[in-house]
Amino acid sequence: MRKLRSSILIAGVLSSGLLFAQAPASPNMPVDEVSKLVNYSEVVDEPGMNKDTLYNRSLRWFYTFFKNPSQAIKKADAPNHTIEGGYRFTIKRPDPGVKKEPRPMVDAGLVNFKMNIMCKDAKFKYEITNISWQQTSYYPIERWMDTEAKNYNPDYALYLQQVDDYMKAMIKSLESFIETDPVKKKDDW
């Protein structure tokens, strides 16, 4: 099931990359007004669920969503009902060595991010921050937004779209999982 979800997510990101490779347009991403950094954050109401249930479902989601959950979970703090994590995913770009359209997509590198989940009774909050392109030094994706920069590359709009698509798919998966994941009862023989 985990492989199927990952495959569907990757196929969605790749297919959106193929569509945007022809006419890239930067998405409208959530930028924090103070820090000016891309930040996906929301408090999600879950009436009737206590903080223990929300924490346990969030933790199970990490184990089902990420290919390597032990790398995705940096700290699981059950007494405080918080999970600190982060992961990475691959972005794609049109192959510069091919002139025939549509050009095949090739790896453009990895995007890293941090993700925190905090649970309280009847609600949880997720924060996705520190989104960066993996380079030899820290390279925040906000640099891709500066179309006036001397080293601006038109592929950056495509990269931003892939990041936005991935984050929205991941958030949708988290919210859906927490809302519908049944607590499995043990058979009592």
Protein backbone atom coordinates (compact mmCIF):
# COMPACT_ATOMS: atom_id res chain seq x y z
CA MET A 1 0.00 0.00 0.00
CA ARG A 2 2.86 2.36 0.89
CA LYS A 3 4.54 1.72 -2.47
CA LEU A 4 1.25 2.35 -4.27
CA ARG A 5 0.75 5.72 -2.52
CA SER A 6 4.33 6.75 -3.23
CA SER A 7 3.99 5.68 -6.87
CA ILE A 8 0.77 7.63 -7.30
CA LEU A 9 2.32 10.74 -5.72
CA ILE A 10 5.45 10.48 -7.87
CA ALA A 11 3.40 9.91 -11.02
CA GLY A 12 1.32 12.98 -10.21
CA VAL A 13 4.37 15.15 -9.64
CA LEU A 14 6.05 13.87 -12.79
CA SER A 15 2.97 14.29 -14.96
CA SER A 16 2.48 17.82 -13.68
CA GLY A 17 6.13 18.45 -14.49
CA LEU A 18 5.56 17.30 -18.06
CA LEU A 19 2.65 19.69 -18.41
CA PHE A 20 4.52 22.62 -16.95
CA ALA A 21 7.69 21.91 -18.92
CA GLN A 22 5.97 23.43 -21.92
CA ALA A 23 4.79 26.66 -20.29
CA PRO A 24 6.22 27.06 -16.78
CA ALA A 25 4.41 29.44 -14.49
CA SER A 26 5.33 29.98 -10.86
CA PRO A 27 2.63 28.84 -8.45
CA ASN A 28 1.23 31.06 -5.74
CA MET A 29 3.06 29.56 -2.77
CA PRO A 30 2.44 30.39 0.91
CA VAL A 31 5.17 32.84 1.95
CA ASP A 32 5.44 33.92 5.59
CA GLU A 33 5.03 37.70 5.84
CA VAL A 34 7.76 38.11 8.46
CA SER A 35 10.47 35.66 7.36
CA LYS A 36 9.65 35.87 3.61
CA LEU A 37 10.17 32.09 3.42
CA VAL A 38 7.84 29.49 1.96
CA ASN A 39 5.95 27.93 4.85
CA TYR A 40 3.05 25.49 4.65
CA SER A 41 1.25 25.64 7.99
CA GLU A 42 -2.29 25.07 9.16
CA VAL A 43 -4.30 24.15 12.23
CA VAL A 44 -6.75 21.37 11.34
CA ASP A 45 -9.81 20.84 13.51
CA GLU A 46 -10.68 17.23 14.28
CA PRO A 47 -13.71 17.35 16.59
CA GLY A 48 -14.08 14.36 18.88
CA MET A 49 -10.45 13.23 18.66
CA ASN A 50 -8.15 13.53 21.63
CA LYS A 51 -4.48 14.46 21.38
CA ASP A 52 -3.32 10.85 21.89
CA THR A 53 -5.37 9.63 18.93
CA LEU A 54 -4.19 12.50 16.73
CA TYR A 55 -0.55 11.90 17.71
CA ASN A 56 -0.77 8.15 17.06
CA ARG A 57 -2.43 8.64 13.68
CA SER A 58 0.17 11.25 12.71
CA LEU A 59 2.94 8.86 13.64
CA ARG A 60 1.33 6.00 11.66
CA TRP A 61 1.01 8.36 8.69
CA PHE A 62 4.78 8.93 8.71
CA TYR A 63 5.27 5.15 8.56
CA THR A 64 2.88 4.72 5.63
CA PHE A 65 3.73 7.81 3.58
CA PHE A 66 7.53 7.94 3.56
CA LYS A 67 9.64 5.27 1.91
CA ASN A 68 12.11 5.37 4.80
CA PRO A 69 10.20 6.55 7.89
CA SER A 70 13.19 6.13 10.21
CA GLN A 71 14.89 8.91 8.24
CA ALA A 72 11.71 11.00 8.06
CA ILE A 73 11.06 11.00 11.83
CA LYS A 74 13.74 12.95 13.66
CA LYS A 75 11.99 13.04 17.04
CA ALA A 76 8.70 11.53 18.18
CA ASP A 77 7.75 13.04 21.54
CA ALA A 78 4.68 11.17 22.83
CA PRO A 79 4.39 13.02 26.19
CA ASN A 80 4.25 16.39 24.37
CA HIS A 81 2.30 15.00 21.38
CA THR A 82 4.75 16.35 18.82
CA ILE A 83 6.63 14.86 15.90
CA GLU A 84 9.66 16.52 14.33
CA GLY A 85 10.63 15.25 10.94
CA GLY A 86 11.75 16.03 7.48
CA TYR A 87 12.49 14.36 4.21
CA ARG A 88 13.47 14.93 0.61
CA PHE A 89 12.13 14.31 -2.86
CA THR A 90 13.43 14.52 -6.42
CA ILE A 91 12.54 17.31 -8.80
CA LYS A 92 12.72 17.01 -12.59
CA ARG A 93 13.60 19.25 -15.54
CA PRO A 94 13.46 18.85 -19.33
CA ASP A 95 16.55 17.08 -20.66
CA PRO A 96 18.80 19.85 -22.05
CA GLY A 97 20.51 17.39 -24.42
CA VAL A 98 17.31 16.61 -26.33
CA LYS A 99 15.87 19.09 -28.83
CA LYS A 100 12.80 17.08 -29.86
CA GLU A 101 9.59 18.18 -28.10
CA PRO A 102 8.29 17.08 -25.71
CA ARG A 103 11.65 16.63 -24.07
CA PRO A 104 11.98 13.81 -21.54
CA MET A 105 12.33 14.78 -17.89
CA VAL A 106 15.58 14.13 -16.01
CA ASP A 107 16.59 14.57 -12.37
CA ALA A 108 17.29 18.14 -11.32
CA GLY A 109 18.26 17.31 -7.76
CA LEU A 110 16.69 16.84 -4.35
CA VAL A 111 14.50 19.19 -2.34
CA ASN A 112 14.76 18.89 1.46
CA PHE A 113 12.20 20.06 3.98
CA LYS A 114 11.41 19.98 7.69
CA MET A 115 7.99 19.02 8.98
CA ASN A 116 6.56 19.31 12.48
CA ILE A 117 3.22 18.07 13.75
CA MET A 118 1.78 19.20 17.09
CA CYS A 119 -1.39 17.65 18.51
CA LYS A 120 -3.94 18.95 20.99
CA ASP A 121 -7.41 17.73 21.82
CA ALA A 122 -9.68 18.16 18.77
CA LYS A 123 -6.98 19.69 16.53
CA PHE A 124 -3.49 19.31 15.16
CA LYS A 125 -1.07 21.67 13.48
CA TYR A 126 1.45 20.92 10.79
CA GLU A 127 4.34 23.14 9.74
CA ILE A 128 6.50 22.52 6.68
CA THR A 129 9.53 24.80 6.64
CA ASN A 130 13.18 25.08 5.57
CA ILE A 131 12.44 23.95 2.03
CA SER A 132 15.72 23.92 0.18
CA TRP A 133 17.41 22.60 -2.94
CA GLN A 134 20.17 20.19 -1.94
CA GLN A 135 23.47 21.80 -2.94
CA THR A 136 26.91 21.98 -1.36
CA SER A 137 25.62 24.89 0.74
CA TYR A 138 22.11 25.79 1.87
CA TYR A 139 20.04 26.93 -1.13
CA PRO A 140 16.50 28.00 -0.13
CA ILE A 141 13.84 27.62 -2.81
CA GLU A 142 12.91 31.28 -2.37
CA ARG A 143 15.87 32.05 -4.64
CA TRP A 144 13.91 30.41 -7.46
CA MET A 145 11.26 33.11 -7.10
CA ASP A 146 13.57 36.01 -7.98
CA THR A 147 13.10 36.32 -11.74
CA GLU A 148 15.36 39.40 -11.79
CA ALA A 149 18.37 37.54 -10.38
CA LYS A 150 21.47 37.39 -12.57
CA ASN A 151 21.57 33.59 -12.46
CA TYR A 152 17.80 33.04 -12.89
CA ASN A 153 16.91 29.89 -14.81
CA PRO A 154 13.44 29.50 -16.42
CA ASP A 155 13.35 25.92 -15.06
CA TYR A 156 12.97 27.41 -11.56
CA ALA A 157 9.24 28.00 -12.17
CA LEU A 158 8.91 24.30 -13.01
CA TYR A 159 10.79 23.37 -9.82
CA LEU A 160 8.49 25.60 -7.74
CA GLN A 161 5.44 23.98 -9.29
CA GLN A 162 6.76 20.52 -8.45
CA VAL A 163 7.47 21.55 -4.86
CA ASP A 164 3.98 23.03 -4.49
CA ASP A 165 2.35 19.93 -6.02
CA TYR A 166 4.33 17.60 -3.73
CA MET A 167 3.53 19.61 -0.59
CA LYS A 168 -0.18 19.82 -1.39
CA ALA A 169 -0.36 16.07 -2.11
CA MET A 170 1.52 15.29 1.11
CA ILE A 171 -0.74 17.56 3.18
CA LYS A 172 -3.85 16.04 1.61
CA SER A 173 -2.53 12.56 2.43
CA LEU A 174 -1.84 13.55 6.06
CA GLU A 175 -5.25 15.13 6.59
CA SER A 176 -7.07 12.24 4.95
CA PHE A 177 -5.12 9.63 6.89
CA ILE A 178 -5.73 11.29 10.25
CA GLU A 179 -9.41 11.70 9.53
CA THR A 180 -10.06 8.15 8.29
CA ASP A 181 -7.41 5.89 9.87
CA PRO A 182 -9.34 3.46 12.04
CA VAL A 183 -7.84 2.40 15.33
CA LYS A 184 -7.29 -1.32 14.91
CA LYS A 185 -8.72 -3.40 17.72
CA LYS A 186 -6.96 -6.57 18.69
CA ASP A 187 -8.98 -9.74 18.50
CA ASP A 188 -9.51 -11.06 21.99
CA TRP A 189 -9.44 -14.83 21.89
